[in-house]
Structure formats: C-alpha cells, structure tokens
C-alpha atoms as a PDB file:
ATOM      1  CA  UNK A   1      96.347 108.291 142.384  1.00  0.00           C
ATOM      2  CA  UNK A   2      98.996 106.280 142.538  1.00  0.00           C
ATOM      3  CA  UNK A   3      97.528 102.166 141.577  1.00  0.00           C
ATOM      4  CA  UNK A   4      99.637 100.441 144.213  1.00  0.00           C
ATOM      5  CA  UNK A   5      98.688  96.340 142.086  1.00  0.00           C
ATOM      6  CA  UNK A   6     101.990  95.106 140.590  1.00  0.00           C
ATOM      7  CA  UNK A   7     101.740  95.415 136.947  1.00  0.00           C
ATOM      8  CA  UNK A   8     104.314  93.761 133.824  1.00  0.00           C
ATOM      9  CA  UNK A   9     102.990  94.552 130.440  1.00  0.00           C
ATOM     10  CA  UNK A  10     104.203  91.607 128.149  1.00  0.00           C
ATOM     11  CA  UNK A  11     104.838  93.128 123.989  1.00  0.00           C
ATOM     12  CA  UNK A  12     106.093  90.536 121.325  1.00  0.00           C
ATOM     13  CA  UNK A  13     109.494  91.114 119.494  1.00  0.00           C
ATOM     14  CA  UNK A  14     107.929  93.488 116.597  1.00  0.00           C
ATOM     15  CA  UNK A  15     107.682  96.535 118.568  1.00  0.00           C
ATOM     16  CA  UNK A  16     111.670  97.021 118.469  1.00  0.00           C
ATOM     17  CA  UNK A  17     111.431  98.785 121.598  1.00  0.00           C
ATOM     18  CA  UNK A  18     113.784 101.950 122.530  1.00  0.00           C
ATOM     19  CA  UNK A  19     116.352 100.385 125.346  1.00  0.00           C
ATOM     20  CA  UNK A  20     114.712 102.657 127.922  1.00  0.00           C
ATOM     21  CA  UNK A  21     111.556 100.022 127.198  1.00  0.00           C
ATOM     22  CA  UNK A  22     113.473  97.318 126.953  1.00  0.00           C
ATOM     23  CA  UNK A  23     115.324  97.643 130.256  1.00  0.00           C
ATOM     24  CA  UNK A  24     112.300  98.515 131.971  1.00  0.00           C
ATOM     25  CA  UNK A  25     111.646  96.123 135.094  1.00  0.00           C
ATOM     26  CA  UNK A  26     108.084  95.482 134.175  1.00  0.00           C
ATOM     27  CA  UNK A  27     107.731  95.335 130.610  1.00  0.00           C
ATOM     28  CA  UNK A  28     108.517  91.631 128.726  1.00  0.00           C
ATOM     29  CA  UNK A  29     109.143  90.480 125.555  1.00  0.00           C
ATOM     30  CA  UNK A  30     108.516  87.091 123.800  1.00  0.00           C
ATOM     31  CA  UNK A  31     110.160  87.042 120.454  1.00  0.00           C
ATOM     32  CA  UNK A  32     109.009  85.927 116.647  1.00  0.00           C
ATOM     33  CA  UNK A  33     111.951  85.280 114.383  1.00  0.00           C
ATOM     34  CA  UNK A  34     112.701  84.941 111.085  1.00  0.00           C
ATOM     35  CA  UNK A  35     113.750  81.358 109.596  1.00  0.00           C
ATOM     36  CA  UNK A  36     115.977  81.308 106.069  1.00  0.00           C
ATOM     37  CA  UNK A  37     115.057  78.780 103.423  1.00  0.00           C
ATOM     38  CA  UNK A  38     118.540  76.669 104.907  1.00  0.00           C
ATOM     39  CA  UNK A  39     116.813  76.628 108.303  1.00  0.00           C
ATOM     40  CA  UNK A  40     118.446  78.659 110.886  1.00  0.00           C
ATOM     41  CA  UNK A  41     116.766  81.946 111.955  1.00  0.00           C
ATOM     42  CA  UNK A  42     117.870  85.400 112.733  1.00  0.00           C
ATOM     43  CA  UNK A  43     115.857  86.939 116.097  1.00  0.00           C
ATOM     44  CA  UNK A  44     113.798  90.283 115.630  1.00  0.00           C
ATOM     45  CA  UNK A  45     116.405  92.842 116.484  1.00  0.00           C
ATOM     46  CA  UNK A  46     117.104  96.260 116.786  1.00  0.00           C
ATOM     47  CA  UNK A  47     120.907  96.040 116.154  1.00  0.00           C
ATOM     48  CA  UNK A  48     121.299  98.329 113.363  1.00  0.00           C
ATOM     49  CA  UNK A  49     124.231  95.923 112.272  1.00  0.00           C
ATOM     50  CA  UNK A  50     122.409  93.319 111.847  1.00  0.00           C
ATOM     51  CA  UNK A  51     119.828  95.148 110.393  1.00  0.00           C
ATOM     52  CA  UNK A  52     121.308  95.949 107.555  1.00  0.00           C
ATOM     53  CA  UNK A  53     123.084  92.844 106.642  1.00  0.00           C
ATOM     54  CA  UNK A  54     119.498  90.710 106.556  1.00  0.00           C
ATOM     55  CA  UNK A  55     117.974  93.967 104.437  1.00  0.00           C
ATOM     56  CA  UNK A  56     120.620  93.501 102.192  1.00  0.00           C
ATOM     57  CA  UNK A  57     120.845  89.726 101.786  1.00  0.00           C
ATOM     58  CA  UNK A  58     116.448  89.943 100.811  1.00  0.00           C
ATOM     59  CA  UNK A  59     117.233  91.758  97.453  1.00  0.00           C
ATOM     60  CA  UNK A  60     118.994  88.620  95.642  1.00  0.00           C
ATOM     61  CA  UNK A  61     116.590  86.069  97.882  1.00  0.00           C
ATOM     62  CA  UNK A  62     115.018  83.692  95.266  1.00  0.00           C
ATOM     63  CA  UNK A  63     112.903  82.232  98.369  1.00  0.00           C
ATOM     64  CA  UNK A  64     111.723  83.775 101.251  1.00  0.00           C
ATOM     65  CA  UNK A  65     112.272  83.562 104.807  1.00  0.00           C
ATOM     66  CA  UNK A  66     109.557  82.357 106.490  1.00  0.00           C
ATOM     67  CA  UNK A  67     108.517  84.070 110.073  1.00  0.00           C
ATOM     68  CA  UNK A  68     107.354  82.348 113.045  1.00  0.00           C
ATOM     69  CA  UNK A  69     105.607  83.070 115.714  1.00  0.00           C
ATOM     70  CA  UNK A  70     106.722  82.769 119.808  1.00  0.00           C
ATOM     71  CA  UNK A  71     106.074  79.413 121.399  1.00  0.00           C
ATOM     72  CA  UNK A  72     102.821  78.918 123.690  1.00  0.00           C
ATOM     73  CA  UNK A  73     106.164  77.079 125.597  1.00  0.00           C
ATOM     74  CA  UNK A  74     108.015  80.914 126.000  1.00  0.00           C
ATOM     75  CA  UNK A  75     104.961  82.887 126.539  1.00  0.00           C
ATOM     76  CA  UNK A  76     104.381  79.930 129.542  1.00  0.00           C
ATOM     77  CA  UNK A  77     107.442  80.603 130.892  1.00  0.00           C
ATOM     78  CA  UNK A  78     107.648  84.634 130.972  1.00  0.00           C
ATOM     79  CA  UNK A  79     104.324  83.819 133.221  1.00  0.00           C
ATOM     80  CA  UNK A  80     105.468  81.872 135.272  1.00  0.00           C
ATOM     81  CA  UNK A  81     108.257  83.659 135.758  1.00  0.00           C
ATOM     82  CA  UNK A  82     105.541  87.283 136.474  1.00  0.00           C
ATOM     83  CA  UNK A  83     104.099  84.768 139.465  1.00  0.00           C
ATOM     84  CA  UNK A  84     106.870  84.002 140.828  1.00  0.00           C
ATOM     85  CA  UNK A  85     108.128  87.750 140.886  1.00  0.00           C
ATOM     86  CA  UNK A  86     104.916  88.802 142.911  1.00  0.00           C
ATOM     87  CA  UNK A  87     102.501  90.538 140.169  1.00  0.00           C
ATOM     88  CA  UNK A  88      98.743  90.979 140.189  1.00  0.00           C
ATOM     89  CA  UNK A  89      98.159  91.534 136.412  1.00  0.00           C
ATOM     90  CA  UNK A  90      99.841  91.411 133.486  1.00  0.00           C
ATOM     91  CA  UNK A  91      98.807  93.339 130.763  1.00  0.00           C
ATOM     92  CA  UNK A  92      99.075  91.987 126.831  1.00  0.00           C
ATOM     93  CA  UNK A  93      99.430  93.626 123.507  1.00  0.00           C
ATOM     94  CA  UNK A  94     100.908  92.099 120.839  1.00  0.00           C
ATOM     95  CA  UNK A  95     101.255  92.259 117.126  1.00  0.00           C
ATOM     96  CA  UNK A  96      98.121  92.236 115.198  1.00  0.00           C
ATOM     97  CA  UNK A  97      96.571  88.432 115.248  1.00  0.00           C
ATOM     98  CA  UNK A  98      95.805  88.689 111.509  1.00  0.00           C
ATOM     99  CA  UNK A  99      99.249  88.854 110.900  1.00  0.00           C
ATOM    100  CA  UNK A 100     100.924  86.962 113.083  1.00  0.00           C
ATOM    101  CA  UNK A 101      99.463  83.826 115.882  1.00  0.00           C
ATOM    102  CA  UNK A 102     101.336  85.769 118.776  1.00  0.00           C
ATOM    103  CA  UNK A 103      97.872  86.758 120.470  1.00  0.00           C
ATOM    104  CA  UNK A 104      96.577  83.608 119.975  1.00  0.00           C
ATOM    105  CA  UNK A 105      99.399  82.624 122.073  1.00  0.00           C
ATOM    106  CA  UNK A 106      99.319  84.384 124.716  1.00  0.00           C
ATOM    107  CA  UNK A 107      95.677  84.220 124.131  1.00  0.00           C
ATOM    108  CA  UNK A 108      96.236  80.369 125.466  1.00  0.00           C
ATOM    109  CA  UNK A 109      98.244  80.916 127.890  1.00  0.00           C
ATOM    110  CA  UNK A 110      96.301  83.593 129.550  1.00  0.00           C
ATOM    111  CA  UNK A 111      93.168  81.507 130.190  1.00  0.00           C
ATOM    112  CA  UNK A 112      95.691  78.474 132.226  1.00  0.00           C
ATOM    113  CA  UNK A 113      96.586  81.643 134.333  1.00  0.00           C
ATOM    114  CA  UNK A 114      93.372  83.686 135.911  1.00  0.00           C
ATOM    115  CA  UNK A 115      93.314  82.048 139.395  1.00  0.00           C
ATOM    116  CA  UNK A 116      96.771  83.052 140.059  1.00  0.00           C
ATOM    117  CA  UNK A 117      96.798  87.004 137.663  1.00  0.00           C
ATOM    118  CA  UNK A 118      94.717  89.361 136.625  1.00  0.00           C
ATOM    119  CA  UNK A 119      95.033  89.936 132.885  1.00  0.00           C
ATOM    120  CA  UNK A 120      93.799  91.593 130.305  1.00  0.00           C
ATOM    121  CA  UNK A 121      94.712  92.029 126.274  1.00  0.00           C
ATOM    122  CA  UNK A 122      94.800  93.478 123.102  1.00  0.00           C
ATOM    123  CA  UNK A 123      94.507  92.546 119.906  1.00  0.00           C
ATOM    124  CA  UNK A 124      96.691  95.508 118.415  1.00  0.00           C
ATOM    125  CA  UNK A 125      96.356  96.519 115.250  1.00  0.00           C
ATOM    126  CA  UNK A 126     100.311  98.005 115.383  1.00  0.00           C
ATOM    127  CA  UNK A 127     104.179  96.682 115.318  1.00  0.00           C
ATOM    128  CA  UNK A 128     106.955  98.257 115.214  1.00  0.00           C
ATOM    129  CA  UNK A 129     107.763 101.429 117.239  1.00  0.00           C
ATOM    130  CA  UNK A 130     103.639 102.218 117.449  1.00  0.00           C
ATOM    131  CA  UNK A 131     103.699  98.908 119.058  1.00  0.00           C
ATOM    132  CA  UNK A 132     106.480 100.321 121.443  1.00  0.00           C
ATOM    133  CA  UNK A 133     104.700 104.018 121.854  1.00  0.00           C
ATOM    134  CA  UNK A 134     101.715 101.414 123.360  1.00  0.00           C
ATOM    135  CA  UNK A 135     104.025 100.191 125.703  1.00  0.00           C
ATOM    136  CA  UNK A 136     105.253 103.359 126.206  1.00  0.00           C
ATOM    137  CA  UNK A 137     101.779 104.690 127.863  1.00  0.00           C
ATOM    138  CA  UNK A 138     100.599 101.558 129.141  1.00  0.00           C
ATOM    139  CA  UNK A 139     103.690 101.674 131.439  1.00  0.00           C
ATOM    140  CA  UNK A 140     102.426 105.713 132.317  1.00  0.00           C
ATOM    141  CA  UNK A 141      98.650 104.541 132.391  1.00  0.00           C
ATOM    142  CA  UNK A 142      98.907 101.777 134.950  1.00  0.00           C
ATOM    143  CA  UNK A 143     101.077 103.025 137.394  1.00  0.00           C
ATOM    144  CA  UNK A 144      98.029 105.710 138.128  1.00  0.00           C
ATOM    145  CA  UNK A 145      94.626 104.325 136.765  1.00  0.00           C
ATOM    146  CA  UNK A 146      93.217 100.531 137.126  1.00  0.00           C
ATOM    147  CA  UNK A 147      93.730  98.054 134.556  1.00  0.00           C
ATOM    148  CA  UNK A 148      90.383  98.254 132.972  1.00  0.00           C
ATOM    149  CA  UNK A 149      90.167 102.015 132.432  1.00  0.00           C
ATOM    150  CA  UNK A 150      94.143 102.080 131.374  1.00  0.00           C
ATOM    151  CA  UNK A 151      92.867  99.148 129.380  1.00  0.00           C
ATOM    152  CA  UNK A 152      90.313 101.338 127.459  1.00  0.00           C
ATOM    153  CA  UNK A 153      92.116 104.321 126.722  1.00  0.00           C
ATOM    154  CA  UNK A 154      94.918 102.264 125.027  1.00  0.00           C
ATOM    155  CA  UNK A 155      92.001 100.167 123.019  1.00  0.00           C
ATOM    156  CA  UNK A 156      91.470 104.236 121.724  1.00  0.00           C
ATOM    157  CA  UNK A 157      95.347 104.942 120.975  1.00  0.00           C
ATOM    158  CA  UNK A 158      95.019 101.727 118.963  1.00  0.00           C
ATOM    159  CA  UNK A 159      92.782 103.084 116.504  1.00  0.00           C
ATOM    160  CA  UNK A 160      93.539 106.826 116.863  1.00  0.00           C
ATOM    161  CA  UNK A 161      97.287 105.312 115.126  1.00  0.00           C
ATOM    162  CA  UNK A 162      97.261 105.224 111.411  1.00  0.00           C
ATOM    163  CA  UNK A 163     100.186 103.336 109.514  1.00  0.00           C
ATOM    164  CA  UNK A 164     100.546 103.371 105.791  1.00  0.00           C
ATOM    165  CA  UNK A 165     104.004 102.130 104.413  1.00  0.00           C
ATOM    166  CA  UNK A 166     104.284 101.722 100.605  1.00  0.00           C
ATOM    167  CA  UNK A 167     106.640  98.648  98.267  1.00  0.00           C
ATOM    168  CA  UNK A 168     109.474 100.385  96.104  1.00  0.00           C
ATOM    169  CA  UNK A 169     110.319  96.709  95.137  1.00  0.00           C
ATOM    170  CA  UNK A 170     107.365  94.585  93.879  1.00  0.00           C
ATOM    171  CA  UNK A 171     109.508  91.536  93.381  1.00  0.00           C
ATOM    172  CA  UNK A 172     108.813  90.559  97.279  1.00  0.00           C
ATOM    173  CA  UNK A 173     104.459  90.678  97.336  1.00  0.00           C
ATOM    174  CA  UNK A 174     104.855  87.919  94.638  1.00  0.00           C
ATOM    175  CA  UNK A 175     107.369  86.169  96.345  1.00  0.00           C
ATOM    176  CA  UNK A 176     104.746  85.871  99.003  1.00  0.00           C
ATOM    177  CA  UNK A 177     102.136  84.960  97.099  1.00  0.00           C
ATOM    178  CA  UNK A 178     100.389  88.913  97.870  1.00  0.00           C
ATOM    179  CA  UNK A 179     101.025  89.613  94.181  1.00  0.00           C
ATOM    180  CA  UNK A 180     100.333  88.899  90.912  1.00  0.00           C
ATOM    181  CA  UNK A 181     103.667  88.865  88.540  1.00  0.00           C
ATOM    182  CA  UNK A 182     102.002  90.401  85.796  1.00  0.00           C
ATOM    183  CA  UNK A 183     100.432  93.281  88.424  1.00  0.00           C
ATOM    184  CA  UNK A 184     104.657  93.427  89.018  1.00  0.00           C
ATOM    185  CA  UNK A 185     105.417  93.724  84.954  1.00  0.00           C
ATOM    186  CA  UNK A 186     102.351  96.887  85.078  1.00  0.00           C
ATOM    187  CA  UNK A 187     103.385  98.576  88.396  1.00  0.00           C
ATOM    188  CA  UNK A 188     107.513  98.532  87.927  1.00  0.00           C
ATOM    189  CA  UNK A 189     107.060  99.388  83.793  1.00  0.00           C
ATOM    190  CA  UNK A 190     104.732 102.389  85.393  1.00  0.00           C
ATOM    191  CA  UNK A 191     106.473 103.069  88.428  1.00  0.00           C
ATOM    192  CA  UNK A 192     103.216 102.743  90.195  1.00  0.00           C
ATOM    193  CA  UNK A 193     104.150 101.774  94.126  1.00  0.00           C
ATOM    194  CA  UNK A 194     101.345 101.002  96.210  1.00  0.00           C
ATOM    195  CA  UNK A 195     100.228 102.910  99.188  1.00  0.00           C
ATOM    196  CA  UNK A 196      99.836 100.003 102.170  1.00  0.00           C
ATOM    197  CA  UNK A 197      97.218 100.916 105.117  1.00  0.00           C
ATOM    198  CA  UNK A 198      96.286  99.015 108.314  1.00  0.00           C
ATOM    199  CA  UNK A 199      92.551  98.890 108.339  1.00  0.00           C
ATOM    200  CA  UNK A 200      90.473  97.808 111.636  1.00  0.00           C
ATOM    201  CA  UNK A 201      90.753  94.964 111.389  1.00  0.00           C
ATOM    202  CA  UNK A 202      94.219  94.787 111.381  1.00  0.00           C
ATOM    203  CA  UNK A 203      95.026  93.103 108.181  1.00  0.00           C
ATOM    204  CA  UNK A 204      96.998  95.403 105.709  1.00  0.00           C
ATOM    205  CA  UNK A 205      94.707  97.265 102.967  1.00  0.00           C
ATOM    206  CA  UNK A 206      95.703  99.145  99.809  1.00  0.00           C
ATOM    207  CA  UNK A 207      94.712 102.746 100.376  1.00  0.00           C
ATOM    208  CA  UNK A 208      95.923 104.270  96.983  1.00  0.00           C
ATOM    209  CA  UNK A 209      98.012 103.551  93.188  1.00  0.00           C
ATOM    210  CA  UNK A 210     100.527 105.779  92.946  1.00  0.00           C
ATOM    211  CA  UNK A 211     102.922 107.185  89.945  1.00  0.00           C
ATOM    212  CA  UNK A 212     106.133 107.602  91.545  1.00  0.00           C
ATOM    213  CA  UNK A 213     108.444 107.843  94.844  1.00  0.00           C
ATOM    214  CA  UNK A 214     108.566 111.795  94.501  1.00  0.00           C
ATOM    215  CA  UNK A 215     104.009 111.733  94.154  1.00  0.00           C
ATOM    216  CA  UNK A 216     104.130 108.779  97.487  1.00  0.00           C
ATOM    217  CA  UNK A 217     106.222 111.262  99.231  1.00  0.00           C
ATOM    218  CA  UNK A 218     103.982 114.378  98.674  1.00  0.00           C
ATOM    219  CA  UNK A 219     100.956 112.283  99.829  1.00  0.00           C
ATOM    220  CA  UNK A 220     102.243 110.864 102.649  1.00  0.00           C
ATOM    221  CA  UNK A 221     103.347 113.887 104.018  1.00  0.00           C
ATOM    222  CA  UNK A 222      99.141 115.240 103.063  1.00  0.00           C
ATOM    223  CA  UNK A 223      98.061 112.360 105.435  1.00  0.00           C
ATOM    224  CA  UNK A 224      99.929 113.466 108.106  1.00  0.00           C
ATOM    225  CA  UNK A 225      98.337 117.514 108.035  1.00  0.00           C
ATOM    226  CA  UNK A 226      94.928 115.012 107.571  1.00  0.00           C
ATOM    227  CA  UNK A 227      95.943 113.137 110.289  1.00  0.00           C
ATOM    228  CA  UNK A 228      97.434 115.498 112.975  1.00  0.00           C
ATOM    229  CA  UNK A 229      94.864 118.111 112.591  1.00  0.00           C
ATOM    230  CA  UNK A 230      91.705 115.724 114.491  1.00  0.00           C
ATOM    231  CA  UNK A 231      94.690 116.222 117.822  1.00  0.00           C
ATOM    232  CA  UNK A 232      94.188 118.910 119.332  1.00  0.00           C
ATOM    233  CA  UNK A 233      96.716 118.162 122.330  1.00  0.00           C
ATOM    234  CA  UNK A 234      98.871 116.995 119.720  1.00  0.00           C
ATOM    235  CA  UNK A 235     100.344 114.191 118.295  1.00  0.00           C
ATOM    236  CA  UNK A 236     103.992 112.701 117.168  1.00  0.00           C
ATOM    237  CA  UNK A 237     105.305 111.340 114.105  1.00  0.00           C
ATOM    238  CA  UNK A 238     107.111 108.077 113.736  1.00  0.00           C
ATOM    239  CA  UNK A 239     108.859 107.571 110.238  1.00  0.00           C
ATOM    240  CA  UNK A 240     109.770 103.966 108.834  1.00  0.00           C
ATOM    241  CA  UNK A 241     111.967 102.521 106.643  1.00  0.00           C
ATOM    242  CA  UNK A 242     114.334  99.722 105.503  1.00  0.00           C
ATOM    243  CA  UNK A 243     118.606 100.565 106.749  1.00  0.00           C
ATOM    244  CA  UNK A 244     119.575 103.003 103.767  1.00  0.00           C
ATOM    245  CA  UNK A 245     116.574 104.457 102.528  1.00  0.00           C
ATOM    246  CA  UNK A 246     116.203 108.011 102.219  1.00  0.00           C
ATOM    247  CA  UNK A 247     112.816 109.382 101.659  1.00  0.00           C
ATOM    248  CA  UNK A 248     112.287 109.205 105.430  1.00  0.00           C
ATOM    249  CA  UNK A 249     114.767 111.934 105.330  1.00  0.00           C
ATOM    250  CA  UNK A 250     112.675 113.799 102.539  1.00  0.00           C
ATOM    251  CA  UNK A 251     109.405 112.988 104.608  1.00  0.00           C
ATOM    252  CA  UNK A 252     111.317 114.895 107.356  1.00  0.00           C
ATOM    253  CA  UNK A 253     112.325 118.134 105.548  1.00  0.00           C
ATOM    254  CA  UNK A 254     108.960 118.461 103.818  1.00  0.00           C
ATOM    255  CA  UNK A 255     106.768 118.417 107.172  1.00  0.00           C
ATOM    256  CA  UNK A 256     109.360 120.670 108.495  1.00  0.00           C
ATOM    257  CA  UNK A 257     109.136 123.660 106.129  1.00  0.00           C
ATOM    258  CA  UNK A 258     105.942 123.645 106.591  1.00  0.00           C
ATOM    259  CA  UNK A 259     104.056 126.135 108.718  1.00  0.00           C
ATOM    260  CA  UNK A 260     102.290 123.496 111.479  1.00  0.00           C
ATOM    261  CA  UNK A 261     105.603 120.829 110.777  1.00  0.00           C
ATOM    262  CA  UNK A 262     108.090 123.162 111.740  1.00  0.00           C
ATOM    263  CA  UNK A 263     107.815 122.497 115.641  1.00  0.00           C
ATOM    264  CA  UNK A 264     106.177 118.657 115.413  1.00  0.00           C
ATOM    265  CA  UNK A 265     108.431 115.918 116.935  1.00  0.00           C
ATOM    266  CA  UNK A 266     109.691 112.732 114.169  1.00  0.00           C
ATOM    267  CA  UNK A 267     110.718 109.500 115.776  1.00  0.00           C
ATOM    268  CA  UNK A 268     112.525 107.182 113.375  1.00  0.00           C
ATOM    269  CA  UNK A 269     111.998 103.564 113.576  1.00  0.00           C
ATOM    270  CA  UNK A 270     113.945 101.136 111.440  1.00  0.00           C
ATOM    271  CA  UNK A 271     110.836  98.433 109.946  1.00  0.00           C
ATOM    272  CA  UNK A 272     110.941  94.844 111.954  1.00  0.00           C
ATOM    273  CA  UNK A 273     112.455  91.993 109.885  1.00  0.00           C
ATOM    274  CA  UNK A 274     108.710  90.320 110.201  1.00  0.00           C
ATOM    275  CA  UNK A 275     107.987  92.483 108.295  1.00  0.00           C
ATOM    276  CA  UNK A 276     110.343  94.006 106.453  1.00  0.00           C
ATOM    277  CA  UNK A 277     109.973  90.382 104.985  1.00  0.00           C
ATOM    278  CA  UNK A 278     107.454  90.721 102.763  1.00  0.00           C
ATOM    279  CA  UNK A 279     107.622  94.325 102.306  1.00  0.00           C
ATOM    280  CA  UNK A 280     111.303  94.415 100.056  1.00  0.00           C
ATOM    281  CA  UNK A 281     114.730  96.284 101.066  1.00  0.00           C
ATOM    282  CA  UNK A 282     113.277  99.879 100.120  1.00  0.00           C
ATOM    283  CA  UNK A 283     109.819 100.215 101.281  1.00  0.00           C
ATOM    284  CA  UNK A 284     109.340 103.038 103.889  1.00  0.00           C
ATOM    285  CA  UNK A 285     105.847 104.865 105.807  1.00  0.00           C
ATOM    286  CA  UNK A 286     105.165 106.558 108.773  1.00  0.00           C
ATOM    287  CA  UNK A 287     102.640 106.099 111.730  1.00  0.00           C
ATOM    288  CA  UNK A 288     100.801 108.951 113.791  1.00  0.00           C
ATOM    289  CA  UNK A 289     101.183 109.129 116.970  1.00  0.00           C
ATOM    290  CA  UNK A 290      98.205 111.325 119.205  1.00  0.00           C
ATOM    291  CA  UNK A 291      98.907 111.813 122.367  1.00  0.00           C
ATOM    292  CA  UNK A 292      96.728 110.287 124.967  1.00  0.00           C
ATOM    293  CA  UNK A 293      95.826 113.006 126.257  1.00  0.00           C
ATOM    294  CA  UNK A 294      93.679 114.530 123.549  1.00  0.00           C
ATOM    295  CA  UNK A 295      91.483 110.790 124.553  1.00  0.00           C
ATOM    296  CA  UNK A 296      88.026 111.915 125.477  1.00  0.00           C
ATOM    297  CA  UNK A 297      86.923 110.161 127.732  1.00  0.00           C
END
C-alpha cells in the first residue's frame, strides 16, 4: 500500500550519491569537508577529476588534512526548508557517530523540530556507496510502508552490510595517530597489510594482518563468498578504492571466474576523501550489499 505521507531523507556527503539519488527531489545532503593544513577546504564530491587530484596530493602531504562535519546551522537550514515545503516526516541516515559528529548534530537539531515533523534517525555503520544503498532502499520503503516499519527494515540492512578495506601505505595511519612508526617499518618490511573492517559499534577494527597484496585480494574474495551465502534472495558487491588503484579490477575478475560469482552484480565506488584521508592513497576494499528482500520481517 502506498504511503501518502510526504517524506524526506537526509544523508551526508560521504554517501557519494550517484546522480539518480543526488537529484531525487526527496533526498537532501548535508556536507562534510576536508580541511587542508593551509586552511582551504574541499567539499566531499563524486567528481573523478577532483578525487584523482586530491589523492595524488595526499601521497606527498607531511601533515594530513583534517575533516569537518556539517554545521548545526546547515542542518537547521535543511530542516526549516522541509517544513516550508510541506513535508510530514523525515528520515535521517548518516555515517557512524563513532567516526564523525554528523549524527550528533542532526540529533540536536531534530529535537527542536519534533512538533513540526515526525523525525527518525539512524546512526548507520556505513559510508560511501553502502550509505547510498541505504538511501536507495529507504526511498522505496518509505513509499510503501509507515516510517517506523521502514526504519526497522533499514536498521536490519545496516547491520547486515559488511565493509572491509586494506591499506597499502601505512604512513597515513601514523600521521593520523592510528599506528606507530615501528609498526609501519615492520609492516612495510614484511609486506604486511592490515585487513580493516567496520565493527557493529561503527568504529574501525583490525580483522587480520596478511602478507602481500595478492593474499589480501584472495582473502577478500573468500569473505565476499562467505557473506553472500547467507542471502538466499541475493546480494550485490561494491568494490571500493582510491583512484588508479587496480586491485578492485583484480577482485572483480576473480569473482567472475567462480561458479558463484558469474552473475553477481558488482558496483564500483571511490573511497570518500573524509575516510580516504586516514587510509591513504592506494587503499581498496569491498562492501557486501544484501537485497532488502532478505529481511525476515
């Protein structure tokens, strides 16, 4: 049954929305930025030319850029515009509060609009195309279901999706205070790559330490297969990488050469600068995207 309530979806710019979603009249984006050491900033973007330039510059930066969350003022402006446009309800889905203050700012503003809008917020574990996937499914669900039921199904989907990435150059982890210099020296010497995943808390955790990029790629394909077997009604895979990183292509070829992966839908996405700043150029990974039809309720 069609839901007649006029519903808006707010997400943040790390979602790197494709044009079909970015231009949707019911989707609103609040913006994170990368702040360079000299003070100028770069707003999150999907422009491949800008992304290539940024990641190229990142390789030679001695001091890493910082990142800034959307301001409370920007969130207020969006909420006020939704009231003026006659929306009845709002669904907010942002990157994890463990990685950014974006969710907290949205929560703060939402508290002041509860008498004007029905607002539901999801503190997701996603970023990049996996967050866009939640938006994509959110649009379908709020058109068919009441908001609270749609939120429960989206929370299920959020919990099911897994993200794994690896880092070729460990130096950015040192610059960002996320690894010791001795760990980097040893890692580079032994060609050890960390396999990093997003935990249920939304924080990044270490899954495994693997020697050589080739073995990491093989392990990623194994995990994709293991995760995918849980979803009888199908799933997709998003391959994530920084510009000019060819490992994603290798992963796709390996998947398509298996019996289980020949017909698998595979998407590509560039790692958003807000995340890629800490991982560094040459990072790559994947996200498993279960189809919402797998939801048991």
